[in-house]
Amino acid sequence: MDRYVVFGNPIAHSKSPVLHSLFAEQTGQAMQYDTLLAPLDDFTGCATAFFTQGRGANVTVPFKEQAYRFAHQLSARALRAGAVNTLSKLADGRVLGDNTDGAGLVRDLTVNAGFSLKGKRILILGAGGAVRGALEPILAQGPASVTIANRTVEKAEQLAELFSDLGPVAASGFDWLREPVDLIINATSASLAGEVPPIASSLIEPGNTLCYDMMYGKEPTPFCAWATEHRAGQVMDGLGMLAEQAAEAFYLWRGVRPDTAPALVQLRRLLAL
């Protein structure tokens, strides 16, 4: 049976085995999917050992940049992202590195939420790896503008410069912005600390702006709660992104795209327990 894993440290909390088991059952694929706790000081050794037998892997914190260096070949989107979250063994034994995070985010917004990004004013909070992975697929949708806001403005400026060839992207500090936007994506880890990025509530146009937090949890994240309080038109957490990036990886490995809707229902149930 084809074997797949998700590498991480820590990793016991991962929902990936649940997702991929549901996808395999739904699409009739014979495969085994487990978590694999990789040592912090030897991801390469762990991944090399796994791929003597294994077919593919997802990669989560803190190994996405190490996976980028580990892969023998990189997809165009992995090259742009500078990070890899999906590894796939090729026919010749080499390993392909891909990044499905941005595609998962865009699919959650455009397909699951039915929200077109074309011509929209988009604000992204944060300038870390998650943002770098999301920028190319977002800009490919033809937004009117993308602003990257970050506490350290220089980081946002570096990202804006790096992706300026793909569309209208600019950098900002958190407290520079006042005018309403159509979409706010929180890609910071503030929610994990129970906080909200220090941005003006005037960025939300009541009844219109969609607010999206890449984080998710049993309860609404602090950012989602803040958005609801300020009457955002729509509020979403990142559980759909998790399911969609997993489905994209599954498609890369197995050549069949699973339906994420039933898997998302199951995940929500599990989170509520």
C-alpha atoms as a PDB file:
ATOM      1  CA  MET A   1       0.000   0.000   0.000  1.00  0.00           C
ATOM      2  CA  ASP A   2       1.327   3.474  -0.937  1.00  0.00           C
ATOM      3  CA  ARG A   3       2.543   5.310   2.132  1.00  0.00           C
ATOM      4  CA  TYR A   4       2.245   9.042   2.879  1.00  0.00           C
ATOM      5  CA  VAL A   5       3.030  11.148   5.960  1.00  0.00           C
ATOM      6  CA  VAL A   6       2.959  14.669   7.293  1.00  0.00           C
ATOM      7  CA  PHE A   7       6.293  15.851   8.724  1.00  0.00           C
ATOM      8  CA  GLY A   8       6.250  18.304  11.614  1.00  0.00           C
ATOM      9  CA  ASN A   9       7.500  19.006  15.119  1.00  0.00           C
ATOM     10  CA  PRO A  10       5.162  19.024  17.027  1.00  0.00           C
ATOM     11  CA  ILE A  11       2.793  16.943  14.896  1.00  0.00           C
ATOM     12  CA  ALA A  12       0.347  14.983  17.108  1.00  0.00           C
ATOM     13  CA  HIS A  13      -2.315  17.724  16.684  1.00  0.00           C
ATOM     14  CA  SER A  14      -2.338  17.466  12.870  1.00  0.00           C
ATOM     15  CA  LYS A  15      -5.696  17.014  11.097  1.00  0.00           C
ATOM     16  CA  SER A  16      -3.968  15.822   7.897  1.00  0.00           C
ATOM     17  CA  PRO A  17      -4.370  12.066   8.595  1.00  0.00           C
ATOM     18  CA  VAL A  18      -8.130  12.558   9.079  1.00  0.00           C
ATOM     19  CA  LEU A  19      -8.415  14.597   5.873  1.00  0.00           C
ATOM     20  CA  HIS A  20      -6.415  12.240   3.675  1.00  0.00           C
ATOM     21  CA  SER A  21      -8.177   9.149   5.054  1.00  0.00           C
ATOM     22  CA  LEU A  22     -11.510  10.756   4.155  1.00  0.00           C
ATOM     23  CA  PHE A  23     -10.196  11.688   0.694  1.00  0.00           C
ATOM     24  CA  ALA A  24      -8.839   8.152   0.093  1.00  0.00           C
ATOM     25  CA  GLU A  25     -12.139   6.563   1.126  1.00  0.00           C
ATOM     26  CA  GLN A  26     -14.141   8.966  -1.036  1.00  0.00           C
ATOM     27  CA  THR A  27     -12.006   8.407  -4.163  1.00  0.00           C
ATOM     28  CA  GLY A  28     -11.286   4.690  -3.693  1.00  0.00           C
ATOM     29  CA  GLN A  29      -7.520   5.087  -3.298  1.00  0.00           C
ATOM     30  CA  ALA A  30      -5.471   2.406  -1.526  1.00  0.00           C
ATOM     31  CA  MET A  31      -3.065   4.426   0.620  1.00  0.00           C
ATOM     32  CA  GLN A  32      -1.852   4.812   4.186  1.00  0.00           C
ATOM     33  CA  TYR A  33      -1.305   8.263   5.744  1.00  0.00           C
ATOM     34  CA  ASP A  34       0.362   8.917   9.123  1.00  0.00           C
ATOM     35  CA  THR A  35       2.044  11.655  11.126  1.00  0.00           C
ATOM     36  CA  LEU A  36       5.845  11.614  11.345  1.00  0.00           C
ATOM     37  CA  LEU A  37       7.628  13.552  14.074  1.00  0.00           C
ATOM     38  CA  ALA A  38      10.833  14.727  12.403  1.00  0.00           C
ATOM     39  CA  PRO A  39      13.805  15.656  14.603  1.00  0.00           C
ATOM     40  CA  LEU A  40      14.446  19.410  14.666  1.00  0.00           C
ATOM     41  CA  ASP A  41      18.122  18.878  13.844  1.00  0.00           C
ATOM     42  CA  ASP A  42      17.771  16.288  11.049  1.00  0.00           C
ATOM     43  CA  PHE A  43      14.801  16.806   8.732  1.00  0.00           C
ATOM     44  CA  THR A  44      16.893  15.776   5.718  1.00  0.00           C
ATOM     45  CA  GLY A  45      17.887  12.436   7.246  1.00  0.00           C
ATOM     46  CA  CYS A  46      14.308  11.720   8.291  1.00  0.00           C
ATOM     47  CA  ALA A  47      12.887  12.622   4.866  1.00  0.00           C
ATOM     48  CA  THR A  48      15.582  10.645   3.016  1.00  0.00           C
ATOM     49  CA  ALA A  49      14.791   7.540   5.097  1.00  0.00           C
ATOM     50  CA  PHE A  50      11.047   7.923   4.517  1.00  0.00           C
ATOM     51  CA  PHE A  51      11.359   8.279   0.735  1.00  0.00           C
ATOM     52  CA  THR A  52      13.221   4.967   0.366  1.00  0.00           C
ATOM     53  CA  GLN A  53       9.695   3.464   0.637  1.00  0.00           C
ATOM     54  CA  GLY A  54       7.197   6.351   0.853  1.00  0.00           C
ATOM     55  CA  ARG A  55       5.401   8.027  -2.057  1.00  0.00           C
ATOM     56  CA  GLY A  56       4.610  11.488  -0.752  1.00  0.00           C
ATOM     57  CA  ALA A  57       4.487  13.809   2.227  1.00  0.00           C
ATOM     58  CA  ASN A  58       3.009  17.015   3.539  1.00  0.00           C
ATOM     59  CA  VAL A  59       5.327  19.319   5.462  1.00  0.00           C
ATOM     60  CA  THR A  60       4.301  21.655   8.269  1.00  0.00           C
ATOM     61  CA  VAL A  61       6.027  23.895  10.833  1.00  0.00           C
ATOM     62  CA  PRO A  62       8.994  24.246  11.144  1.00  0.00           C
ATOM     63  CA  PHE A  63      10.271  22.332   8.107  1.00  0.00           C
ATOM     64  CA  LYS A  64       8.861  24.067   4.990  1.00  0.00           C
ATOM     65  CA  GLU A  65      12.122  25.842   4.123  1.00  0.00           C
ATOM     66  CA  GLN A  66      14.170  22.708   4.826  1.00  0.00           C
ATOM     67  CA  ALA A  67      11.816  20.755   2.548  1.00  0.00           C
ATOM     68  CA  TYR A  68      12.484  23.388  -0.143  1.00  0.00           C
ATOM     69  CA  ARG A  69      16.211  22.620   0.102  1.00  0.00           C
ATOM     70  CA  PHE A  70      15.598  18.850   0.322  1.00  0.00           C
ATOM     71  CA  ALA A  71      13.586  18.565  -2.930  1.00  0.00           C
ATOM     72  CA  HIS A  72      15.472  17.606  -6.101  1.00  0.00           C
ATOM     73  CA  GLN A  73      13.018  19.520  -8.284  1.00  0.00           C
ATOM     74  CA  LEU A  74      10.697  22.457  -7.498  1.00  0.00           C
ATOM     75  CA  SER A  75       7.365  23.522  -8.982  1.00  0.00           C
ATOM     76  CA  ALA A  76       7.019  27.137 -10.184  1.00  0.00           C
ATOM     77  CA  ARG A  77       4.823  28.003  -7.201  1.00  0.00           C
ATOM     78  CA  ALA A  78       7.294  26.458  -4.739  1.00  0.00           C
ATOM     79  CA  LEU A  79      10.093  28.520  -6.293  1.00  0.00           C
ATOM     80  CA  ARG A  80       8.017  31.681  -5.848  1.00  0.00           C
ATOM     81  CA  ALA A  81       7.007  30.779  -2.292  1.00  0.00           C
ATOM     82  CA  GLY A  82      10.539  29.859  -1.218  1.00  0.00           C
ATOM     83  CA  ALA A  83       8.964  27.044   0.814  1.00  0.00           C
ATOM     84  CA  VAL A  84       7.570  23.546   0.249  1.00  0.00           C
ATOM     85  CA  ASN A  85       4.554  21.970   1.968  1.00  0.00           C
ATOM     86  CA  THR A  86       4.142  18.975  -0.373  1.00  0.00           C
ATOM     87  CA  LEU A  87       6.713  16.399  -1.474  1.00  0.00           C
ATOM     88  CA  SER A  88       6.056  13.809  -4.159  1.00  0.00           C
ATOM     89  CA  LYS A  89       8.280  10.949  -5.323  1.00  0.00           C
ATOM     90  CA  LEU A  90       8.825  10.992  -9.082  1.00  0.00           C
ATOM     91  CA  ALA A  91       9.123   7.926 -11.323  1.00  0.00           C
ATOM     92  CA  ASP A  92      12.940   8.228 -11.389  1.00  0.00           C
ATOM     93  CA  GLY A  93      13.166   8.257  -7.578  1.00  0.00           C
ATOM     94  CA  ARG A  94      13.813  11.980  -7.229  1.00  0.00           C
ATOM     95  CA  VAL A  95      11.509  14.097  -5.066  1.00  0.00           C
ATOM     96  CA  LEU A  96       9.409  17.026  -6.335  1.00  0.00           C
ATOM     97  CA  GLY A  97       8.713  19.927  -3.976  1.00  0.00           C
ATOM     98  CA  ASP A  98       5.468  21.887  -4.374  1.00  0.00           C
ATOM     99  CA  ASN A  99       3.557  24.509  -2.390  1.00  0.00           C
ATOM    100  CA  THR A 100      -0.232  24.102  -2.265  1.00  0.00           C
ATOM    101  CA  ASP A 101      -0.950  26.609   0.548  1.00  0.00           C
ATOM    102  CA  GLY A 102      -1.747  29.602  -1.675  1.00  0.00           C
ATOM    103  CA  ALA A 103      -3.848  27.527  -4.065  1.00  0.00           C
ATOM    104  CA  GLY A 104      -5.765  26.191  -1.048  1.00  0.00           C
ATOM    105  CA  LEU A 105      -6.463  29.699   0.255  1.00  0.00           C
ATOM    106  CA  VAL A 106      -7.626  30.989  -3.131  1.00  0.00           C
ATOM    107  CA  ARG A 107      -9.848  27.954  -3.696  1.00  0.00           C
ATOM    108  CA  ASP A 108     -11.442  28.353  -0.246  1.00  0.00           C
ATOM    109  CA  LEU A 109     -12.238  31.995  -1.011  1.00  0.00           C
ATOM    110  CA  THR A 110     -13.336  31.655  -4.637  1.00  0.00           C
ATOM    111  CA  VAL A 111     -15.027  28.221  -4.633  1.00  0.00           C
ATOM    112  CA  ASN A 112     -16.212  27.617  -1.062  1.00  0.00           C
ATOM    113  CA  ALA A 113     -17.104  31.240  -0.282  1.00  0.00           C
ATOM    114  CA  GLY A 114     -17.978  32.210  -3.873  1.00  0.00           C
ATOM    115  CA  PHE A 115     -15.902  35.380  -3.485  1.00  0.00           C
ATOM    116  CA  SER A 116     -14.243  36.666  -6.680  1.00  0.00           C
ATOM    117  CA  LEU A 117     -10.841  38.296  -6.118  1.00  0.00           C
ATOM    118  CA  LYS A 118     -10.896  40.051  -9.505  1.00  0.00           C
ATOM    119  CA  GLY A 119     -10.863  43.826  -9.137  1.00  0.00           C
ATOM    120  CA  LYS A 120     -10.906  43.625  -5.320  1.00  0.00           C
ATOM    121  CA  ARG A 121      -8.930  45.726  -2.821  1.00  0.00           C
ATOM    122  CA  ILE A 122      -7.068  43.178  -0.691  1.00  0.00           C
ATOM    123  CA  LEU A 123      -5.195  43.728   2.570  1.00  0.00           C
ATOM    124  CA  ILE A 124      -2.896  40.968   3.866  1.00  0.00           C
ATOM    125  CA  LEU A 125      -1.701  41.168   7.477  1.00  0.00           C
ATOM    126  CA  GLY A 126       1.761  39.700   8.058  1.00  0.00           C
ATOM    127  CA  ALA A 127       4.828  39.150   5.889  1.00  0.00           C
ATOM    128  CA  GLY A 128       5.950  35.625   6.805  1.00  0.00           C
ATOM    129  CA  GLY A 129       6.115  32.384   4.842  1.00  0.00           C
ATOM    130  CA  ALA A 130       2.329  31.982   4.668  1.00  0.00           C
ATOM    131  CA  VAL A 131       2.027  35.321   2.867  1.00  0.00           C
ATOM    132  CA  ARG A 132       4.882  34.549   0.500  1.00  0.00           C
ATOM    133  CA  GLY A 133       3.112  31.298  -0.454  1.00  0.00           C
ATOM    134  CA  ALA A 134      -0.223  33.061  -1.016  1.00  0.00           C
ATOM    135  CA  LEU A 135       0.834  36.097  -3.069  1.00  0.00           C
ATOM    136  CA  GLU A 136       1.313  34.494  -6.502  1.00  0.00           C
ATOM    137  CA  PRO A 137      -2.093  32.715  -6.612  1.00  0.00           C
ATOM    138  CA  ILE A 138      -3.849  35.819  -5.226  1.00  0.00           C
ATOM    139  CA  LEU A 139      -2.239  38.149  -7.777  1.00  0.00           C
ATOM    140  CA  ALA A 140      -3.098  35.664 -10.564  1.00  0.00           C
ATOM    141  CA  GLN A 141      -6.793  36.385  -9.829  1.00  0.00           C
ATOM    142  CA  GLY A 142      -6.423  40.010 -10.988  1.00  0.00           C
ATOM    143  CA  PRO A 143      -7.177  42.068  -7.861  1.00  0.00           C
ATOM    144  CA  ALA A 144      -7.287  45.887  -8.077  1.00  0.00           C
ATOM    145  CA  SER A 145      -4.657  46.116  -5.342  1.00  0.00           C
ATOM    146  CA  VAL A 146      -2.851  44.024  -2.740  1.00  0.00           C
ATOM    147  CA  THR A 147      -1.383  45.705   0.334  1.00  0.00           C
ATOM    148  CA  ILE A 148       0.916  43.770   2.673  1.00  0.00           C
ATOM    149  CA  ALA A 149       0.848  45.274   6.181  1.00  0.00           C
ATOM    150  CA  ASN A 150       3.389  44.211   8.787  1.00  0.00           C
ATOM    151  CA  ARG A 151       4.775  45.374  12.117  1.00  0.00           C
ATOM    152  CA  THR A 152       8.241  45.461  10.526  1.00  0.00           C
ATOM    153  CA  VAL A 153       7.496  47.437   7.360  1.00  0.00           C
ATOM    154  CA  GLU A 154      10.835  46.483   5.749  1.00  0.00           C
ATOM    155  CA  LYS A 155       9.708  42.833   5.587  1.00  0.00           C
ATOM    156  CA  ALA A 156       6.498  43.854   3.813  1.00  0.00           C
ATOM    157  CA  GLU A 157       8.510  46.051   1.422  1.00  0.00           C
ATOM    158  CA  GLN A 158      10.807  43.136   0.550  1.00  0.00           C
ATOM    159  CA  LEU A 159       7.809  40.922  -0.285  1.00  0.00           C
ATOM    160  CA  ALA A 160       6.107  43.670  -2.312  1.00  0.00           C
ATOM    161  CA  GLU A 161       9.297  44.144  -4.305  1.00  0.00           C
ATOM    162  CA  LEU A 162       9.677  40.401  -4.848  1.00  0.00           C
ATOM    163  CA  PHE A 163       6.157  40.035  -6.303  1.00  0.00           C
ATOM    164  CA  SER A 164       5.801  43.431  -8.023  1.00  0.00           C
ATOM    165  CA  ASP A 165       6.172  41.812 -11.473  1.00  0.00           C
ATOM    166  CA  LEU A 166       2.931  39.884 -10.944  1.00  0.00           C
ATOM    167  CA  GLY A 167       0.554  42.744 -10.159  1.00  0.00           C
ATOM    168  CA  PRO A 168      -0.244  45.820  -8.055  1.00  0.00           C
ATOM    169  CA  VAL A 169       1.293  45.021  -4.655  1.00  0.00           C
ATOM    170  CA  ALA A 170       2.364  47.561  -2.010  1.00  0.00           C
ATOM    171  CA  ALA A 171       3.682  47.559   1.567  1.00  0.00           C
ATOM    172  CA  SER A 172       2.405  49.300   4.689  1.00  0.00           C
ATOM    173  CA  GLY A 173       2.600  49.491   8.467  1.00  0.00           C
ATOM    174  CA  PHE A 174      -0.407  48.254  10.459  1.00  0.00           C
ATOM    175  CA  ASP A 175      -1.407  51.750  11.587  1.00  0.00           C
ATOM    176  CA  TRP A 176      -1.021  53.542   8.242  1.00  0.00           C
ATOM    177  CA  LEU A 177      -4.306  52.323   6.787  1.00  0.00           C
ATOM    178  CA  ARG A 178      -7.800  53.771   7.194  1.00  0.00           C
ATOM    179  CA  GLU A 179      -9.750  53.339   3.922  1.00  0.00           C
ATOM    180  CA  PRO A 180     -12.123  50.331   3.627  1.00  0.00           C
ATOM    181  CA  VAL A 181     -11.042  47.268   1.639  1.00  0.00           C
ATOM    182  CA  ASP A 182     -12.950  44.319   0.161  1.00  0.00           C
ATOM    183  CA  LEU A 183     -10.905  41.541   1.772  1.00  0.00           C
ATOM    184  CA  ILE A 184      -8.684  41.376   4.862  1.00  0.00           C
ATOM    185  CA  ILE A 185      -6.569  38.222   5.275  1.00  0.00           C
ATOM    186  CA  ASN A 186      -4.948  37.714   8.679  1.00  0.00           C
ATOM    187  CA  ALA A 187      -1.758  35.717   8.068  1.00  0.00           C
ATOM    188  CA  THR A 188      -0.148  36.696  11.383  1.00  0.00           C
ATOM    189  CA  SER A 189       0.032  34.354  14.378  1.00  0.00           C
ATOM    190  CA  ALA A 190      -1.705  36.955  16.595  1.00  0.00           C
ATOM    191  CA  SER A 191      -4.754  34.694  17.047  1.00  0.00           C
ATOM    192  CA  LEU A 192      -2.558  32.035  18.686  1.00  0.00           C
ATOM    193  CA  ALA A 193      -1.667  34.617  21.352  1.00  0.00           C
ATOM    194  CA  GLY A 194      -5.302  35.669  21.765  1.00  0.00           C
ATOM    195  CA  GLU A 195      -4.621  39.004  20.031  1.00  0.00           C
ATOM    196  CA  VAL A 196      -5.753  40.968  16.980  1.00  0.00           C
ATOM    197  CA  PRO A 197      -3.288  42.852  14.717  1.00  0.00           C
ATOM    198  CA  PRO A 198      -3.412  46.591  15.523  1.00  0.00           C
ATOM    199  CA  ILE A 199      -5.442  47.782  12.535  1.00  0.00           C
ATOM    200  CA  ALA A 200      -8.262  50.346  12.258  1.00  0.00           C
ATOM    201  CA  SER A 201     -11.847  49.076  12.289  1.00  0.00           C
ATOM    202  CA  SER A 202     -12.552  51.591   9.473  1.00  0.00           C
ATOM    203  CA  LEU A 203     -10.874  49.091   7.113  1.00  0.00           C
ATOM    204  CA  ILE A 204     -14.084  47.062   7.369  1.00  0.00           C
ATOM    205  CA  GLU A 205     -16.963  48.282   5.225  1.00  0.00           C
ATOM    206  CA  PRO A 206     -19.994  46.988   7.182  1.00  0.00           C
ATOM    207  CA  GLY A 207     -21.918  44.366   5.263  1.00  0.00           C
ATOM    208  CA  ASN A 208     -19.285  44.158   2.507  1.00  0.00           C
ATOM    209  CA  THR A 209     -15.717  43.355   3.648  1.00  0.00           C
ATOM    210  CA  LEU A 210     -14.784  39.679   3.908  1.00  0.00           C
ATOM    211  CA  CYS A 211     -12.438  38.973   6.845  1.00  0.00           C
ATOM    212  CA  TYR A 212     -10.383  35.765   6.664  1.00  0.00           C
ATOM    213  CA  ASP A 213      -8.131  34.330   9.383  1.00  0.00           C
ATOM    214  CA  MET A 214      -5.645  31.646   8.292  1.00  0.00           C
ATOM    215  CA  MET A 215      -5.857  30.285  11.870  1.00  0.00           C
ATOM    216  CA  TYR A 216      -8.798  28.208  13.096  1.00  0.00           C
ATOM    217  CA  GLY A 217     -10.030  26.692  16.326  1.00  0.00           C
ATOM    218  CA  LYS A 218     -12.988  25.307  18.239  1.00  0.00           C
ATOM    219  CA  GLU A 219     -14.156  28.854  19.005  1.00  0.00           C
ATOM    220  CA  PRO A 220     -13.987  31.842  16.615  1.00  0.00           C
ATOM    221  CA  THR A 221     -10.447  33.241  16.548  1.00  0.00           C
ATOM    222  CA  PRO A 222      -9.858  36.686  18.110  1.00  0.00           C
ATOM    223  CA  PHE A 223      -9.582  38.169  14.592  1.00  0.00           C
ATOM    224  CA  CYS A 224     -12.868  36.546  13.499  1.00  0.00           C
ATOM    225  CA  ALA A 225     -14.578  37.807  16.679  1.00  0.00           C
ATOM    226  CA  TRP A 226     -13.221  41.327  16.021  1.00  0.00           C
ATOM    227  CA  ALA A 227     -14.467  41.202  12.406  1.00  0.00           C
ATOM    228  CA  THR A 228     -17.936  40.057  13.509  1.00  0.00           C
ATOM    229  CA  GLU A 229     -18.071  42.830  16.117  1.00  0.00           C
ATOM    230  CA  HIS A 230     -17.354  45.406  13.402  1.00  0.00           C
ATOM    231  CA  ARG A 231     -20.040  43.957  11.103  1.00  0.00           C
ATOM    232  CA  ALA A 232     -17.895  42.444   8.356  1.00  0.00           C
ATOM    233  CA  GLY A 233     -19.947  41.149   5.434  1.00  0.00           C
ATOM    234  CA  GLN A 234     -18.476  37.655   5.809  1.00  0.00           C
ATOM    235  CA  VAL A 235     -16.109  36.076   8.350  1.00  0.00           C
ATOM    236  CA  MET A 236     -14.089  32.899   7.704  1.00  0.00           C
ATOM    237  CA  ASP A 237     -11.376  30.958   9.516  1.00  0.00           C
ATOM    238  CA  GLY A 238      -8.631  28.870   7.892  1.00  0.00           C
ATOM    239  CA  LEU A 239     -10.137  25.385   8.199  1.00  0.00           C
ATOM    240  CA  GLY A 240     -11.246  25.499   4.557  1.00  0.00           C
ATOM    241  CA  MET A 241      -7.730  26.493   3.494  1.00  0.00           C
ATOM    242  CA  LEU A 242      -6.386  23.462   5.383  1.00  0.00           C
ATOM    243  CA  ALA A 243      -8.802  21.153   3.537  1.00  0.00           C
ATOM    244  CA  GLU A 244      -8.185  22.751   0.131  1.00  0.00           C
ATOM    245  CA  GLN A 245      -4.375  22.690   0.324  1.00  0.00           C
ATOM    246  CA  ALA A 246      -4.646  19.030   1.355  1.00  0.00           C
ATOM    247  CA  ALA A 247      -6.937  18.291  -1.618  1.00  0.00           C
ATOM    248  CA  GLU A 248      -4.425  19.991  -3.928  1.00  0.00           C
ATOM    249  CA  ALA A 249      -1.634  17.778  -2.530  1.00  0.00           C
ATOM    250  CA  PHE A 250      -3.856  14.688  -2.884  1.00  0.00           C
ATOM    251  CA  TYR A 251      -4.488  15.606  -6.538  1.00  0.00           C
ATOM    252  CA  LEU A 252      -0.729  15.948  -7.137  1.00  0.00           C
ATOM    253  CA  TRP A 253      -0.104  12.484  -5.660  1.00  0.00           C
ATOM    254  CA  ARG A 254      -3.097  10.508  -6.941  1.00  0.00           C
ATOM    255  CA  GLY A 255      -4.333  12.394 -10.035  1.00  0.00           C
ATOM    256  CA  VAL A 256      -7.864  12.717  -8.633  1.00  0.00           C
ATOM    257  CA  ARG A 257      -9.345  15.756  -6.868  1.00  0.00           C
ATOM    258  CA  PRO A 258     -11.467  14.903  -3.807  1.00  0.00           C
ATOM    259  CA  ASP A 259     -14.619  16.796  -2.826  1.00  0.00           C
ATOM    260  CA  THR A 260     -13.677  18.830   0.266  1.00  0.00           C
ATOM    261  CA  ALA A 261     -17.241  19.697   1.379  1.00  0.00           C
ATOM    262  CA  PRO A 262     -17.968  16.442   3.304  1.00  0.00           C
ATOM    263  CA  ALA A 263     -14.449  16.455   4.765  1.00  0.00           C
ATOM    264  CA  LEU A 264     -14.970  20.002   6.057  1.00  0.00           C
ATOM    265  CA  VAL A 265     -18.212  18.962   7.765  1.00  0.00           C
ATOM    266  CA  GLN A 266     -16.332  16.126   9.501  1.00  0.00           C
ATOM    267  CA  LEU A 267     -13.476  18.439  10.531  1.00  0.00           C
ATOM    268  CA  ARG A 268     -15.886  20.964  12.062  1.00  0.00           C
ATOM    269  CA  ARG A 269     -17.485  18.144  14.045  1.00  0.00           C
ATOM    270  CA  LEU A 270     -14.104  16.979  15.292  1.00  0.00           C
ATOM    271  CA  LEU A 271     -13.110  20.522  16.299  1.00  0.00           C
ATOM    272  CA  ALA A 272     -16.335  20.945  18.245  1.00  0.00           C
ATOM    273  CA  LEU A 273     -15.657  17.848  20.396  1.00  0.00           C
END
